[in-house]
Amino acid sequence: MASSPSITYSQAQQYCRDVHPAAHLVAINTEEEHNYLRNYLQEGDRASCECVRTAGKAYVQGSPDKWYWEIGAQKQNVTYFDWANGQPTNTGGQENTLMMFSFKSYKFGDTAEDVSTRSWYASKVVCNVCEVHP
């Protein structure tokens, strides 16, 4: 797991591939997986993560209702959602990636692909969680 607010979504995916060729940002397909990840993120140093980047992307930028998990070169439809209150917002028509927020019980929210362009993230710890499926 790495943390850096200046890493774009694409750079975060590349970071995962650098760790392991089959790795990608985490995809959450069930409530059970979501709960496991919530518990994992609350342990040790990971508890400092305020914003957690996932593999979630919008099919069409500006269309907050159609999402997919980017797993390598594949797109897998998102079928499980646990949006935070008022999410997704698609602020400015630019929020096309899916994050989880610790201060919202690790519920989902949409955000820009490059969070360094959003001043709000400057004071936040943004973490990238990678996974590999056998």
C-alpha atoms as a PDB file:
ATOM      1  CA  MET A   1       0.000   0.000   0.000  1.00  0.00           C
ATOM      2  CA  ALA A   2       1.303   3.449  -0.870  1.00  0.00           C
ATOM      3  CA  SER A   3       0.089   6.914  -0.009  1.00  0.00           C
ATOM      4  CA  SER A   4       0.526  10.094  -1.992  1.00  0.00           C
ATOM      5  CA  PRO A   5      -1.992  12.765  -2.950  1.00  0.00           C
ATOM      6  CA  SER A   6      -0.002  13.626  -6.088  1.00  0.00           C
ATOM      7  CA  ILE A   7      -0.378  10.198  -7.705  1.00  0.00           C
ATOM      8  CA  THR A   8      -3.016  10.118 -10.424  1.00  0.00           C
ATOM      9  CA  TYR A   9      -5.342   7.166 -10.907  1.00  0.00           C
ATOM     10  CA  SER A  10      -3.203   5.906 -13.820  1.00  0.00           C
ATOM     11  CA  GLN A  11      -0.010   6.255 -11.787  1.00  0.00           C
ATOM     12  CA  ALA A  12      -1.630   4.362  -8.899  1.00  0.00           C
ATOM     13  CA  GLN A  13      -2.581   1.509 -11.248  1.00  0.00           C
ATOM     14  CA  GLN A  14       1.017   1.486 -12.560  1.00  0.00           C
ATOM     15  CA  TYR A  15       2.330   1.413  -8.978  1.00  0.00           C
ATOM     16  CA  CYS A  16       0.291  -1.757  -8.410  1.00  0.00           C
ATOM     17  CA  ARG A  17       1.670  -3.356 -11.595  1.00  0.00           C
ATOM     18  CA  ASP A  18       5.210  -2.440 -10.470  1.00  0.00           C
ATOM     19  CA  VAL A  19       4.587  -4.319  -7.201  1.00  0.00           C
ATOM     20  CA  HIS A  20       3.316  -7.381  -9.096  1.00  0.00           C
ATOM     21  CA  PRO A  21       2.566  -7.744 -12.839  1.00  0.00           C
ATOM     22  CA  ALA A  22      -0.967  -9.035 -12.141  1.00  0.00           C
ATOM     23  CA  ALA A  23      -1.786  -6.452  -9.448  1.00  0.00           C
ATOM     24  CA  HIS A  24      -4.340  -3.660  -9.767  1.00  0.00           C
ATOM     25  CA  LEU A  25      -6.118  -1.229  -7.494  1.00  0.00           C
ATOM     26  CA  VAL A  26      -8.649  -2.949  -5.263  1.00  0.00           C
ATOM     27  CA  ALA A  27     -12.094  -3.862  -6.657  1.00  0.00           C
ATOM     28  CA  ILE A  28     -14.969  -4.401  -4.230  1.00  0.00           C
ATOM     29  CA  ASN A  29     -17.662  -6.759  -5.472  1.00  0.00           C
ATOM     30  CA  THR A  30     -19.596  -7.669  -2.330  1.00  0.00           C
ATOM     31  CA  GLU A  31     -20.533  -6.308   1.080  1.00  0.00           C
ATOM     32  CA  GLU A  32     -18.316  -9.023   2.582  1.00  0.00           C
ATOM     33  CA  GLU A  33     -15.276  -7.771   0.629  1.00  0.00           C
ATOM     34  CA  HIS A  34     -16.102  -4.188   1.592  1.00  0.00           C
ATOM     35  CA  ASN A  35     -16.314  -5.096   5.293  1.00  0.00           C
ATOM     36  CA  TYR A  36     -13.026  -7.032   5.093  1.00  0.00           C
ATOM     37  CA  LEU A  37     -11.308  -4.033   3.509  1.00  0.00           C
ATOM     38  CA  ARG A  38     -12.801  -1.643   6.104  1.00  0.00           C
ATOM     39  CA  ASN A  39     -11.366  -3.786   8.900  1.00  0.00           C
ATOM     40  CA  TYR A  40      -8.004  -4.125   7.120  1.00  0.00           C
ATOM     41  CA  LEU A  41      -7.721  -0.349   6.702  1.00  0.00           C
ATOM     42  CA  GLN A  42      -8.358   0.306  10.385  1.00  0.00           C
ATOM     43  CA  GLU A  43      -5.307  -1.687  11.535  1.00  0.00           C
ATOM     44  CA  GLY A  44      -1.822  -0.317  12.254  1.00  0.00           C
ATOM     45  CA  ASP A  45      -0.345   2.301   9.930  1.00  0.00           C
ATOM     46  CA  ARG A  46      -3.213   1.843   7.491  1.00  0.00           C
ATOM     47  CA  ALA A  47      -5.514   3.638   9.936  1.00  0.00           C
ATOM     48  CA  SER A  48      -3.942   6.929   8.777  1.00  0.00           C
ATOM     49  CA  CYS A  49      -5.491   6.504   5.313  1.00  0.00           C
ATOM     50  CA  GLU A  50      -8.284   9.055   4.941  1.00  0.00           C
ATOM     51  CA  CYS A  51      -8.992   8.503   1.250  1.00  0.00           C
ATOM     52  CA  VAL A  52      -8.564   5.091  -0.380  1.00  0.00           C
ATOM     53  CA  ARG A  53      -8.267   4.828  -4.130  1.00  0.00           C
ATOM     54  CA  THR A  54     -10.003   1.874  -5.806  1.00  0.00           C
ATOM     55  CA  ALA A  55     -10.065   0.441  -9.337  1.00  0.00           C
ATOM     56  CA  GLY A  56     -13.477   2.051  -9.929  1.00  0.00           C
ATOM     57  CA  LYS A  57     -13.990   4.308 -12.949  1.00  0.00           C
ATOM     58  CA  ALA A  58     -17.006   5.829 -14.657  1.00  0.00           C
ATOM     59  CA  TYR A  59     -17.727   4.514 -18.168  1.00  0.00           C
ATOM     60  CA  VAL A  60     -18.414   8.044 -19.358  1.00  0.00           C
ATOM     61  CA  GLN A  61     -16.904  11.022 -17.591  1.00  0.00           C
ATOM     62  CA  GLY A  62     -19.781  13.041 -16.197  1.00  0.00           C
ATOM     63  CA  SER A  63     -22.100  10.006 -16.032  1.00  0.00           C
ATOM     64  CA  PRO A  64     -22.159   8.978 -12.353  1.00  0.00           C
ATOM     65  CA  ASP A  65     -24.456   5.965 -12.743  1.00  0.00           C
ATOM     66  CA  LYS A  66     -22.344   3.589 -14.867  1.00  0.00           C
ATOM     67  CA  TRP A  67     -19.130   2.337 -13.265  1.00  0.00           C
ATOM     68  CA  TYR A  68     -16.575  -0.405 -13.902  1.00  0.00           C
ATOM     69  CA  TRP A  69     -13.580  -1.901 -12.139  1.00  0.00           C
ATOM     70  CA  GLU A  70     -10.412  -1.545 -14.222  1.00  0.00           C
ATOM     71  CA  ILE A  71      -8.634  -4.860 -13.744  1.00  0.00           C
ATOM     72  CA  GLY A  72      -5.657  -4.898 -16.054  1.00  0.00           C
ATOM     73  CA  ALA A  73      -7.017  -4.509 -19.582  1.00  0.00           C
ATOM     74  CA  GLN A  74     -10.471  -5.754 -18.521  1.00  0.00           C
ATOM     75  CA  LYS A  75     -13.512  -3.779 -17.472  1.00  0.00           C
ATOM     76  CA  GLN A  76     -15.815  -5.447 -14.963  1.00  0.00           C
ATOM     77  CA  ASN A  77     -19.157  -3.763 -14.252  1.00  0.00           C
ATOM     78  CA  VAL A  78     -19.544  -2.505 -10.697  1.00  0.00           C
ATOM     79  CA  THR A  79     -22.572  -4.257  -9.232  1.00  0.00           C
ATOM     80  CA  TYR A  80     -22.028  -3.462  -5.551  1.00  0.00           C
ATOM     81  CA  PHE A  81     -22.238   0.155  -4.390  1.00  0.00           C
ATOM     82  CA  ASP A  82     -22.104   1.666  -0.920  1.00  0.00           C
ATOM     83  CA  TRP A  83     -22.184   5.385  -1.683  1.00  0.00           C
ATOM     84  CA  ALA A  84     -21.684   7.907   1.112  1.00  0.00           C
ATOM     85  CA  ASN A  85     -24.573  10.315   1.687  1.00  0.00           C
ATOM     86  CA  GLY A  86     -24.895  12.711  -1.245  1.00  0.00           C
ATOM     87  CA  GLN A  87     -22.544  10.721  -3.493  1.00  0.00           C
ATOM     88  CA  PRO A  88     -21.782  10.540  -6.322  1.00  0.00           C
ATOM     89  CA  THR A  89     -21.621  14.278  -6.971  1.00  0.00           C
ATOM     90  CA  ASN A  90     -19.554  14.476 -10.172  1.00  0.00           C
ATOM     91  CA  THR A  91     -18.431  17.975  -9.199  1.00  0.00           C
ATOM     92  CA  GLY A  92     -17.630  19.995 -12.298  1.00  0.00           C
ATOM     93  CA  GLY A  93     -18.274  16.955 -14.487  1.00  0.00           C
ATOM     94  CA  GLN A  94     -14.739  15.798 -13.640  1.00  0.00           C
ATOM     95  CA  GLU A  95     -15.215  13.098 -11.003  1.00  0.00           C
ATOM     96  CA  ASN A  96     -14.770   9.779 -12.763  1.00  0.00           C
ATOM     97  CA  THR A  97     -12.913   7.617 -10.231  1.00  0.00           C
ATOM     98  CA  LEU A  98     -14.222   5.879  -7.120  1.00  0.00           C
ATOM     99  CA  MET A  99     -12.668   6.356  -3.673  1.00  0.00           C
ATOM    100  CA  MET A 100     -13.523   5.295  -0.155  1.00  0.00           C
ATOM    101  CA  PHE A 101     -13.359   7.812   2.703  1.00  0.00           C
ATOM    102  CA  SER A 102     -12.453   6.816   6.289  1.00  0.00           C
ATOM    103  CA  PHE A 103     -14.401   9.759   7.731  1.00  0.00           C
ATOM    104  CA  LYS A 104     -17.517   8.437   5.946  1.00  0.00           C
ATOM    105  CA  SER A 105     -17.186   4.867   7.277  1.00  0.00           C
ATOM    106  CA  TYR A 106     -15.245   3.864   4.147  1.00  0.00           C
ATOM    107  CA  LYS A 107     -18.270   4.427   1.972  1.00  0.00           C
ATOM    108  CA  PHE A 108     -17.811   5.283  -1.701  1.00  0.00           C
ATOM    109  CA  GLY A 109     -17.469   8.701  -3.250  1.00  0.00           C
ATOM    110  CA  ASP A 110     -16.494   9.920  -6.696  1.00  0.00           C
ATOM    111  CA  THR A 111     -13.442  12.075  -7.283  1.00  0.00           C
ATOM    112  CA  ALA A 112     -11.161  13.408  -9.999  1.00  0.00           C
ATOM    113  CA  GLU A 113      -8.606  11.116 -11.602  1.00  0.00           C
ATOM    114  CA  ASP A 114      -5.845  13.505 -10.501  1.00  0.00           C
ATOM    115  CA  VAL A 115      -6.609  14.494  -6.905  1.00  0.00           C
ATOM    116  CA  SER A 116      -3.587  16.817  -6.812  1.00  0.00           C
ATOM    117  CA  THR A 117      -5.741  19.253  -8.805  1.00  0.00           C
ATOM    118  CA  ARG A 118      -8.175  19.455  -5.850  1.00  0.00           C
ATOM    119  CA  SER A 119      -6.912  21.593  -2.951  1.00  0.00           C
ATOM    120  CA  TRP A 120      -9.120  19.681  -0.500  1.00  0.00           C
ATOM    121  CA  TYR A 121      -6.855  16.625  -0.852  1.00  0.00           C
ATOM    122  CA  ALA A 122      -3.646  18.534   0.010  1.00  0.00           C
ATOM    123  CA  SER A 123      -4.200  17.883   3.719  1.00  0.00           C
ATOM    124  CA  LYS A 124      -5.463  14.292   3.291  1.00  0.00           C
ATOM    125  CA  VAL A 125      -3.612  10.975   3.315  1.00  0.00           C
ATOM    126  CA  VAL A 126      -4.564   9.244   0.067  1.00  0.00           C
ATOM    127  CA  CYS A 127      -3.738   5.524  -0.045  1.00  0.00           C
ATOM    128  CA  ASN A 128      -3.638   3.107  -2.935  1.00  0.00           C
ATOM    129  CA  VAL A 129      -4.599  -0.473  -2.099  1.00  0.00           C
ATOM    130  CA  CYS A 130      -3.449  -3.116  -4.590  1.00  0.00           C
ATOM    131  CA  GLU A 131      -4.669  -6.667  -4.978  1.00  0.00           C
ATOM    132  CA  VAL A 132      -3.727  -9.739  -7.004  1.00  0.00           C
ATOM    133  CA  HIS A 133      -6.164 -12.515  -7.837  1.00  0.00           C
ATOM    134  CA  PRO A 134      -4.641 -15.976  -8.274  1.00  0.00           C
END
